[in-house]
Amino acid sequence: MFIYFKNYFLDGNGKCAIAENLTNQIGIGSTEFHVISPNKDLIDTKYLWSILRKKIFRKSAERFFIGSAGQKRVPVNFLEDVKIPLPPLTKQKEIGKMLKA
C-alpha cells in the first residue's frame, strides 16, 4: 500500500492505493509517497486504506507537516506513531469490503 502525503493530498480526495499481485512482491515508486506494509494478522489492508482516506485522518496528518510552502510533507514518524482503531479482524474485513466496493 502506498500513500501520497504532500500538501495537496490533504486538500484533495485522499490519494492512496493498494498495490496487489506484484511480481516478486517488488514495486517501483517515488520519494513522494510513503509505503506501508501492514501486518495482515492485525489489520486488513482494505480497512487500513479506508482509514487513510478519511478526511479526519488527513487533517490529523496536516498538523505534522514539515518543509516549505508548496512542498510540505508528512514525516514518516507520523505514520509510525498514529493510533488506528482496530476492531476484530473479521469486522475490519467487512468494513474494507463495503468501502472498497
N, C-alpha and C. Protein backbone atom coordinates (compact mmCIF):
# COMPACT_ATOMS: atom_id res chain seq x y z
N MET A 1 0.85 -1.15 0.00
CA MET A 1 0.00 0.00 0.00
C MET A 1 0.90 1.21 0.00
N PHE A 2 0.50 2.24 -0.72
CA PHE A 2 1.26 3.47 -0.63
C PHE A 2 0.30 4.64 -0.50
N ILE A 3 0.82 5.70 0.09
CA ILE A 3 0.01 6.89 0.35
C ILE A 3 0.82 8.12 -0.01
N TYR A 4 0.18 9.04 -0.71
CA TYR A 4 0.81 10.28 -1.15
C TYR A 4 0.55 11.33 -0.09
N PHE A 5 1.60 11.86 0.49
CA PHE A 5 1.44 12.75 1.63
C PHE A 5 2.03 14.13 1.41
N LYS A 6 1.84 14.72 0.25
CA LYS A 6 2.23 16.10 0.05
C LYS A 6 1.03 16.97 0.38
N ASN A 7 1.24 18.28 0.50
CA ASN A 7 0.16 19.13 0.97
C ASN A 7 -1.10 19.07 0.11
N TYR A 8 -1.01 18.81 -1.19
CA TYR A 8 -2.26 18.72 -1.95
C TYR A 8 -2.99 17.41 -1.75
N PHE A 9 -2.37 16.40 -1.21
CA PHE A 9 -3.09 15.18 -0.81
C PHE A 9 -4.16 15.53 0.22
N LEU A 10 -3.80 16.39 1.14
CA LEU A 10 -4.69 16.70 2.24
C LEU A 10 -5.88 17.55 1.79
N ASP A 11 -5.68 18.35 0.76
CA ASP A 11 -6.78 19.16 0.24
C ASP A 11 -7.66 18.36 -0.73
N GLY A 12 -7.12 17.31 -1.29
CA GLY A 12 -7.81 16.54 -2.32
C GLY A 12 -8.68 15.44 -1.75
N ASN A 13 -8.70 14.33 -2.47
CA ASN A 13 -9.63 13.26 -2.13
C ASN A 13 -8.96 12.12 -1.36
N GLY A 14 -7.79 12.31 -0.83
CA GLY A 14 -7.14 11.27 -0.04
C GLY A 14 -6.49 10.21 -0.90
N LYS A 15 -5.55 10.62 -1.71
CA LYS A 15 -4.94 9.69 -2.65
C LYS A 15 -4.08 8.65 -1.94
N CYS A 16 -4.54 7.43 -1.98
CA CYS A 16 -3.74 6.30 -1.51
C CYS A 16 -4.19 5.10 -2.32
N ALA A 17 -3.32 4.11 -2.41
CA ALA A 17 -3.62 2.97 -3.26
C ALA A 17 -3.10 1.69 -2.64
N ILE A 18 -3.70 0.60 -3.04
CA ILE A 18 -3.24 -0.72 -2.63
C ILE A 18 -2.60 -1.35 -3.86
N ALA A 19 -1.34 -1.73 -3.72
CA ALA A 19 -0.63 -2.41 -4.81
C ALA A 19 -0.70 -3.91 -4.53
N GLU A 20 -1.40 -4.64 -5.37
CA GLU A 20 -1.59 -6.08 -5.17
C GLU A 20 -0.99 -6.87 -6.33
N ASN A 21 -0.74 -8.14 -6.06
CA ASN A 21 -0.27 -9.07 -7.09
C ASN A 21 1.00 -8.61 -7.80
N LEU A 22 1.92 -8.05 -7.03
CA LEU A 22 3.18 -7.60 -7.59
C LEU A 22 4.09 -8.80 -7.86
N THR A 23 4.72 -8.82 -9.01
CA THR A 23 5.67 -9.88 -9.32
C THR A 23 6.82 -9.79 -8.32
N ASN A 24 7.11 -10.87 -7.65
CA ASN A 24 8.19 -10.94 -6.65
C ASN A 24 7.98 -9.97 -5.49
N GLN A 25 6.77 -9.46 -5.34
CA GLN A 25 6.46 -8.51 -4.26
C GLN A 25 7.32 -7.26 -4.33
N ILE A 26 7.71 -6.86 -5.53
CA ILE A 26 8.57 -5.70 -5.73
C ILE A 26 7.83 -4.68 -6.58
N GLY A 27 7.90 -3.42 -6.16
CA GLY A 27 7.31 -2.33 -6.92
C GLY A 27 8.29 -1.17 -6.99
N ILE A 28 8.08 -0.30 -7.93
CA ILE A 28 8.92 0.90 -8.07
C ILE A 28 8.02 2.09 -7.86
N GLY A 29 8.49 3.04 -7.06
CA GLY A 29 7.66 4.19 -6.76
C GLY A 29 8.44 5.48 -6.80
N SER A 30 8.09 6.35 -5.93
CA SER A 30 8.64 7.69 -5.87
C SER A 30 8.92 8.05 -4.42
N THR A 31 9.79 9.00 -4.22
CA THR A 31 10.02 9.50 -2.87
C THR A 31 8.87 10.38 -2.41
N GLU A 32 7.90 10.61 -3.28
CA GLU A 32 6.77 11.46 -2.96
C GLU A 32 5.70 10.76 -2.13
N PHE A 33 5.84 9.46 -1.90
CA PHE A 33 4.84 8.79 -1.07
C PHE A 33 5.48 7.81 -0.11
N HIS A 34 4.73 7.50 0.93
CA HIS A 34 5.16 6.52 1.93
C HIS A 34 4.61 5.15 1.55
N VAL A 35 5.41 4.13 1.75
CA VAL A 35 4.97 2.76 1.51
C VAL A 35 4.66 2.13 2.85
N ILE A 36 3.50 1.49 2.94
CA ILE A 36 3.06 0.86 4.18
C ILE A 36 2.85 -0.63 3.89
N SER A 37 3.45 -1.47 4.70
CA SER A 37 3.26 -2.92 4.58
C SER A 37 2.59 -3.41 5.85
N PRO A 38 1.25 -3.43 5.87
CA PRO A 38 0.55 -3.79 7.10
C PRO A 38 0.72 -5.25 7.48
N ASN A 39 0.75 -5.50 8.78
CA ASN A 39 0.77 -6.87 9.31
C ASN A 39 -0.64 -7.43 9.13
N LYS A 40 -0.81 -8.34 8.21
CA LYS A 40 -2.15 -8.84 7.86
C LYS A 40 -2.77 -9.70 8.94
N ASP A 41 -1.99 -10.04 9.97
CA ASP A 41 -2.56 -10.75 11.12
C ASP A 41 -3.25 -9.78 12.07
N LEU A 42 -2.94 -8.48 11.92
CA LEU A 42 -3.50 -7.46 12.81
C LEU A 42 -4.48 -6.51 12.14
N ILE A 43 -4.24 -6.21 10.86
CA ILE A 43 -5.07 -5.21 10.19
C ILE A 43 -5.31 -5.61 8.74
N ASP A 44 -6.55 -5.45 8.31
CA ASP A 44 -6.94 -5.73 6.93
C ASP A 44 -6.50 -4.57 6.05
N THR A 45 -5.88 -4.87 4.93
CA THR A 45 -5.34 -3.84 4.04
C THR A 45 -6.43 -2.89 3.55
N LYS A 46 -7.57 -3.40 3.17
CA LYS A 46 -8.65 -2.53 2.67
C LYS A 46 -9.25 -1.67 3.79
N TYR A 47 -9.27 -2.21 4.99
CA TYR A 47 -9.72 -1.42 6.14
C TYR A 47 -8.75 -0.27 6.37
N LEU A 48 -7.45 -0.57 6.36
CA LEU A 48 -6.44 0.48 6.55
C LEU A 48 -6.57 1.52 5.45
N TRP A 49 -6.77 1.09 4.22
CA TRP A 49 -6.96 2.01 3.09
C TRP A 49 -8.12 2.97 3.38
N SER A 50 -9.21 2.42 3.92
CA SER A 50 -10.38 3.27 4.20
C SER A 50 -10.08 4.29 5.29
N ILE A 51 -9.29 3.91 6.28
CA ILE A 51 -8.91 4.85 7.35
C ILE A 51 -8.02 5.96 6.80
N LEU A 52 -7.03 5.59 5.99
CA LEU A 52 -6.08 6.57 5.46
C LEU A 52 -6.76 7.59 4.56
N ARG A 53 -7.86 7.25 3.94
CA ARG A 53 -8.57 8.18 3.05
C ARG A 53 -9.50 9.14 3.78
N LYS A 54 -9.80 8.87 5.03
CA LYS A 54 -10.76 9.70 5.76
C LYS A 54 -10.22 11.12 5.96
N LYS A 55 -11.12 12.08 5.81
CA LYS A 55 -10.74 13.48 5.96
C LYS A 55 -10.17 13.76 7.35
N ILE A 56 -10.72 13.15 8.38
CA ILE A 56 -10.23 13.38 9.73
C ILE A 56 -8.78 12.88 9.88
N PHE A 57 -8.43 11.79 9.21
CA PHE A 57 -7.05 11.30 9.23
C PHE A 57 -6.14 12.30 8.53
N ARG A 58 -6.57 12.79 7.37
CA ARG A 58 -5.75 13.75 6.61
C ARG A 58 -5.56 15.04 7.40
N LYS A 59 -6.59 15.48 8.11
CA LYS A 59 -6.46 16.69 8.93
C LYS A 59 -5.48 16.47 10.07
N SER A 60 -5.48 15.28 10.66
CA SER A 60 -4.51 14.96 11.72
C SER A 60 -3.10 15.00 11.15
N ALA A 61 -2.92 14.44 9.97
CA ALA A 61 -1.60 14.41 9.33
C ALA A 61 -1.09 15.82 9.04
N GLU A 62 -2.00 16.71 8.69
CA GLU A 62 -1.63 18.09 8.33
C GLU A 62 -0.90 18.79 9.47
N ARG A 63 -1.22 18.45 10.70
CA ARG A 63 -0.56 19.10 11.85
C ARG A 63 0.92 18.75 11.95
N PHE A 64 1.36 17.73 11.25
CA PHE A 64 2.75 17.27 11.34
C PHE A 64 3.59 17.63 10.12
N PHE A 65 3.03 18.47 9.25
CA PHE A 65 3.77 18.88 8.05
C PHE A 65 5.17 19.37 8.37
N ILE A 66 6.10 19.03 7.50
CA ILE A 66 7.44 19.62 7.54
C ILE A 66 7.75 20.10 6.12
N GLY A 67 8.68 21.03 5.99
CA GLY A 67 9.06 21.54 4.68
C GLY A 67 8.52 22.93 4.44
N SER A 68 8.86 23.47 3.27
CA SER A 68 8.46 24.84 2.93
C SER A 68 7.14 24.85 2.17
N ALA A 69 6.58 26.03 2.02
CA ALA A 69 5.29 26.20 1.35
C ALA A 69 5.30 25.52 -0.02
N GLY A 70 4.24 24.82 -0.34
CA GLY A 70 4.11 24.14 -1.62
C GLY A 70 4.84 22.80 -1.68
N GLN A 71 5.73 22.55 -0.74
CA GLN A 71 6.49 21.30 -0.72
C GLN A 71 6.36 20.59 0.63
N LYS A 72 5.33 20.92 1.37
CA LYS A 72 5.16 20.32 2.70
C LYS A 72 4.81 18.85 2.59
N ARG A 73 5.35 18.10 3.54
CA ARG A 73 5.13 16.66 3.58
C ARG A 73 4.89 16.20 5.01
N VAL A 74 4.26 15.06 5.13
CA VAL A 74 4.07 14.45 6.44
C VAL A 74 5.26 13.51 6.66
N PRO A 75 5.97 13.66 7.77
CA PRO A 75 7.12 12.79 8.03
C PRO A 75 6.69 11.36 8.35
N VAL A 76 7.59 10.42 8.12
CA VAL A 76 7.28 9.01 8.34
C VAL A 76 6.93 8.73 9.80
N ASN A 77 7.50 9.50 10.74
CA ASN A 77 7.20 9.22 12.15
C ASN A 77 5.73 9.47 12.48
N PHE A 78 5.03 10.29 11.69
CA PHE A 78 3.59 10.43 11.90
C PHE A 78 2.91 9.08 11.71
N LEU A 79 3.26 8.39 10.63
CA LEU A 79 2.66 7.08 10.34
C LEU A 79 3.09 6.03 11.35
N GLU A 80 4.31 6.14 11.85
CA GLU A 80 4.80 5.18 12.84
C GLU A 80 4.09 5.34 14.18
N ASP A 81 3.68 6.57 14.50
CA ASP A 81 3.11 6.86 15.81
C ASP A 81 1.59 6.95 15.85
N VAL A 82 0.94 7.09 14.70
CA VAL A 82 -0.50 7.30 14.68
C VAL A 82 -1.23 6.07 15.23
N LYS A 83 -2.28 6.32 15.98
CA LYS A 83 -3.11 5.25 16.55
C LYS A 83 -4.33 5.05 15.65
N ILE A 84 -4.53 3.82 15.22
CA ILE A 84 -5.66 3.48 14.35
C ILE A 84 -6.56 2.51 15.10
N PRO A 85 -7.87 2.78 15.14
CA PRO A 85 -8.77 1.85 15.82
C PRO A 85 -8.75 0.48 15.15
N LEU A 86 -8.63 -0.57 15.96
CA LEU A 86 -8.55 -1.93 15.42
C LEU A 86 -9.66 -2.81 15.97
N PRO A 87 -10.81 -2.81 15.29
CA PRO A 87 -11.84 -3.78 15.67
C PRO A 87 -11.33 -5.18 15.31
N PRO A 88 -12.04 -6.24 15.70
CA PRO A 88 -11.62 -7.59 15.33
C PRO A 88 -11.41 -7.70 13.81
N LEU A 89 -10.47 -8.53 13.41
CA LEU A 89 -10.10 -8.67 12.01
C LEU A 89 -11.30 -9.00 11.11
N THR A 90 -12.22 -9.81 11.59
CA THR A 90 -13.40 -10.14 10.78
C THR A 90 -14.23 -8.89 10.50
N LYS A 91 -14.36 -8.03 11.48
CA LYS A 91 -15.10 -6.77 11.31
C LYS A 91 -14.36 -5.84 10.35
N GLN A 92 -13.03 -5.78 10.49
CA GLN A 92 -12.23 -4.96 9.58
C GLN A 92 -12.45 -5.39 8.13
N LYS A 93 -12.46 -6.70 7.91
CA LYS A 93 -12.65 -7.22 6.55
C LYS A 93 -14.03 -6.85 6.00
N GLU A 94 -15.04 -6.89 6.85
CA GLU A 94 -16.39 -6.48 6.43
C GLU A 94 -16.39 -5.01 6.03
N ILE A 95 -15.79 -4.17 6.87
CA ILE A 95 -15.73 -2.73 6.60
C ILE A 95 -14.95 -2.48 5.32
N GLY A 96 -13.80 -3.11 5.19
CA GLY A 96 -12.97 -2.93 4.00
C GLY A 96 -13.68 -3.32 2.72
N LYS A 97 -14.40 -4.44 2.74
CA LYS A 97 -15.13 -4.89 1.55
C LYS A 97 -16.24 -3.91 1.18
N MET A 98 -16.95 -3.42 2.20
CA MET A 98 -18.04 -2.46 1.95
C MET A 98 -17.51 -1.19 1.31
N LEU A 99 -16.42 -0.66 1.84
CA LEU A 99 -15.91 0.62 1.38
C LEU A 99 -15.13 0.52 0.08
N LYS A 100 -14.55 -0.61 -0.20
CA LYS A 100 -13.76 -0.79 -1.42
C LYS A 100 -14.65 -1.09 -2.63
N ALA A 101 -15.86 -1.58 -2.36
CA ALA A 101 -16.77 -1.98 -3.45
C ALA A 101 -17.21 -0.81 -4.30
